[in-house]
Amino acid sequence: MAGYYDVILGLIPLTLIGITGVVSVAGLSLTTAVLVGATVSILLIGHALFINGPVTPESKSATPLRTNSAD
């Protein structure tokens, strides 16, 4: 089964090419169409990195860091 990041990796080129093609066929210049497609692709990348970022599960056996405090 494909995970979230597998879907994102597939959607990045699809949105870049697909949206560029649709916007270009709709009548905008190719430069504008690429800009729109790239913006959507960048938003997908940003969502995958910052909104739903990859995190590692915290280890239960990890010990907390000690501080050098005077007792």
C-alpha atoms as a PDB file:
ATOM      1  CA  MET A   1       0.000   0.000   0.000  1.00  0.00           C
ATOM      2  CA  ALA A   2       1.308   3.425  -0.930  1.00  0.00           C
ATOM      3  CA  GLY A   3       2.031   5.744   1.944  1.00  0.00           C
ATOM      4  CA  TYR A   4       1.594   9.504   2.136  1.00  0.00           C
ATOM      5  CA  TYR A   5       5.089  10.296   0.897  1.00  0.00           C
ATOM      6  CA  ASP A   6       4.793   7.844  -1.994  1.00  0.00           C
ATOM      7  CA  VAL A   7       1.658   9.669  -3.131  1.00  0.00           C
ATOM      8  CA  ILE A   8       3.354  13.052  -2.770  1.00  0.00           C
ATOM      9  CA  LEU A   9       6.343  11.879  -4.818  1.00  0.00           C
ATOM     10  CA  GLY A  10       3.967  10.770  -7.562  1.00  0.00           C
ATOM     11  CA  LEU A  11       1.898  13.937  -7.460  1.00  0.00           C
ATOM     12  CA  ILE A  12       4.819  16.350  -7.801  1.00  0.00           C
ATOM     13  CA  PRO A  13       5.599  15.616 -11.476  1.00  0.00           C
ATOM     14  CA  LEU A  14       1.937  14.950 -12.294  1.00  0.00           C
ATOM     15  CA  THR A  15       0.861  18.353 -11.039  1.00  0.00           C
ATOM     16  CA  LEU A  16       3.770  20.098 -12.702  1.00  0.00           C
ATOM     17  CA  ILE A  17       3.074  18.538 -16.091  1.00  0.00           C
ATOM     18  CA  GLY A  18      -0.715  18.240 -15.801  1.00  0.00           C
ATOM     19  CA  ILE A  19      -1.484  21.723 -14.543  1.00  0.00           C
ATOM     20  CA  THR A  20       1.010  23.228 -16.973  1.00  0.00           C
ATOM     21  CA  GLY A  21      -0.744  21.459 -19.837  1.00  0.00           C
ATOM     22  CA  VAL A  22      -4.252  22.402 -18.719  1.00  0.00           C
ATOM     23  CA  VAL A  23      -3.389  26.045 -18.143  1.00  0.00           C
ATOM     24  CA  SER A  24      -1.500  26.203 -21.444  1.00  0.00           C
ATOM     25  CA  VAL A  25      -4.433  24.723 -23.358  1.00  0.00           C
ATOM     26  CA  ALA A  26      -6.749  27.157 -21.565  1.00  0.00           C
ATOM     27  CA  GLY A  27      -4.976  29.988 -23.351  1.00  0.00           C
ATOM     28  CA  LEU A  28      -2.288  31.323 -21.026  1.00  0.00           C
ATOM     29  CA  SER A  29       1.293  31.568 -22.188  1.00  0.00           C
ATOM     30  CA  LEU A  30       3.610  28.644 -21.569  1.00  0.00           C
ATOM     31  CA  THR A  31       5.688  30.698 -19.146  1.00  0.00           C
ATOM     32  CA  THR A  32       2.637  31.464 -17.010  1.00  0.00           C
ATOM     33  CA  ALA A  33       1.445  27.863 -17.222  1.00  0.00           C
ATOM     34  CA  VAL A  34       4.796  26.534 -15.968  1.00  0.00           C
ATOM     35  CA  LEU A  35       4.730  29.071 -13.134  1.00  0.00           C
ATOM     36  CA  VAL A  36       1.271  27.909 -12.035  1.00  0.00           C
ATOM     37  CA  GLY A  37       2.201  24.227 -12.249  1.00  0.00           C
ATOM     38  CA  ALA A  38       5.452  24.773 -10.360  1.00  0.00           C
ATOM     39  CA  THR A  39       3.657  26.748  -7.641  1.00  0.00           C
ATOM     40  CA  VAL A  40       1.281  23.872  -6.973  1.00  0.00           C
ATOM     41  CA  SER A  41       4.182  21.406  -6.936  1.00  0.00           C
ATOM     42  CA  ILE A  42       6.061  23.596  -4.460  1.00  0.00           C
ATOM     43  CA  LEU A  43       2.970  23.746  -2.248  1.00  0.00           C
ATOM     44  CA  LEU A  44       2.834  19.939  -2.232  1.00  0.00           C
ATOM     45  CA  ILE A  45       6.498  19.748  -1.265  1.00  0.00           C
ATOM     46  CA  GLY A  46       6.012  22.344   1.455  1.00  0.00           C
ATOM     47  CA  HIS A  47       3.043  20.460   2.862  1.00  0.00           C
ATOM     48  CA  ALA A  48       4.999  17.213   2.936  1.00  0.00           C
ATOM     49  CA  LEU A  49       7.969  18.847   4.656  1.00  0.00           C
ATOM     50  CA  PHE A  50       6.481  21.348   7.066  1.00  0.00           C
ATOM     51  CA  ILE A  51       2.793  20.596   7.651  1.00  0.00           C
ATOM     52  CA  ASN A  52       2.909  16.807   7.636  1.00  0.00           C
ATOM     53  CA  GLY A  53       6.652  16.459   8.105  1.00  0.00           C
ATOM     54  CA  PRO A  54       8.475  13.208   8.566  1.00  0.00           C
ATOM     55  CA  VAL A  55       9.104  12.537  12.221  1.00  0.00           C
ATOM     56  CA  THR A  56      10.847   9.682  13.915  1.00  0.00           C
ATOM     57  CA  PRO A  57       9.067   7.998  16.783  1.00  0.00           C
ATOM     58  CA  GLU A  58      10.686   8.812  20.085  1.00  0.00           C
ATOM     59  CA  SER A  59      12.427   5.966  21.773  1.00  0.00           C
ATOM     60  CA  LYS A  60      10.983   4.953  25.122  1.00  0.00           C
ATOM     61  CA  SER A  61      14.404   3.883  26.392  1.00  0.00           C
ATOM     62  CA  ALA A  62      15.981   7.267  25.759  1.00  0.00           C
ATOM     63  CA  THR A  63      17.263   8.986  28.841  1.00  0.00           C
ATOM     64  CA  PRO A  64      16.726  12.714  29.283  1.00  0.00           C
ATOM     65  CA  LEU A  65      19.705  14.989  28.922  1.00  0.00           C
ATOM     66  CA  ARG A  66      21.427  16.028  32.105  1.00  0.00           C
ATOM     67  CA  THR A  67      22.096  19.630  32.854  1.00  0.00           C
ATOM     68  CA  ASN A  68      24.997  20.908  34.855  1.00  0.00           C
ATOM     69  CA  SER A  69      23.063  22.575  37.628  1.00  0.00           C
ATOM     70  CA  ALA A  70      24.306  23.225  41.092  1.00  0.00           C
ATOM     71  CA  ASP A  71      22.411  21.218  43.692  1.00  0.00           C
END
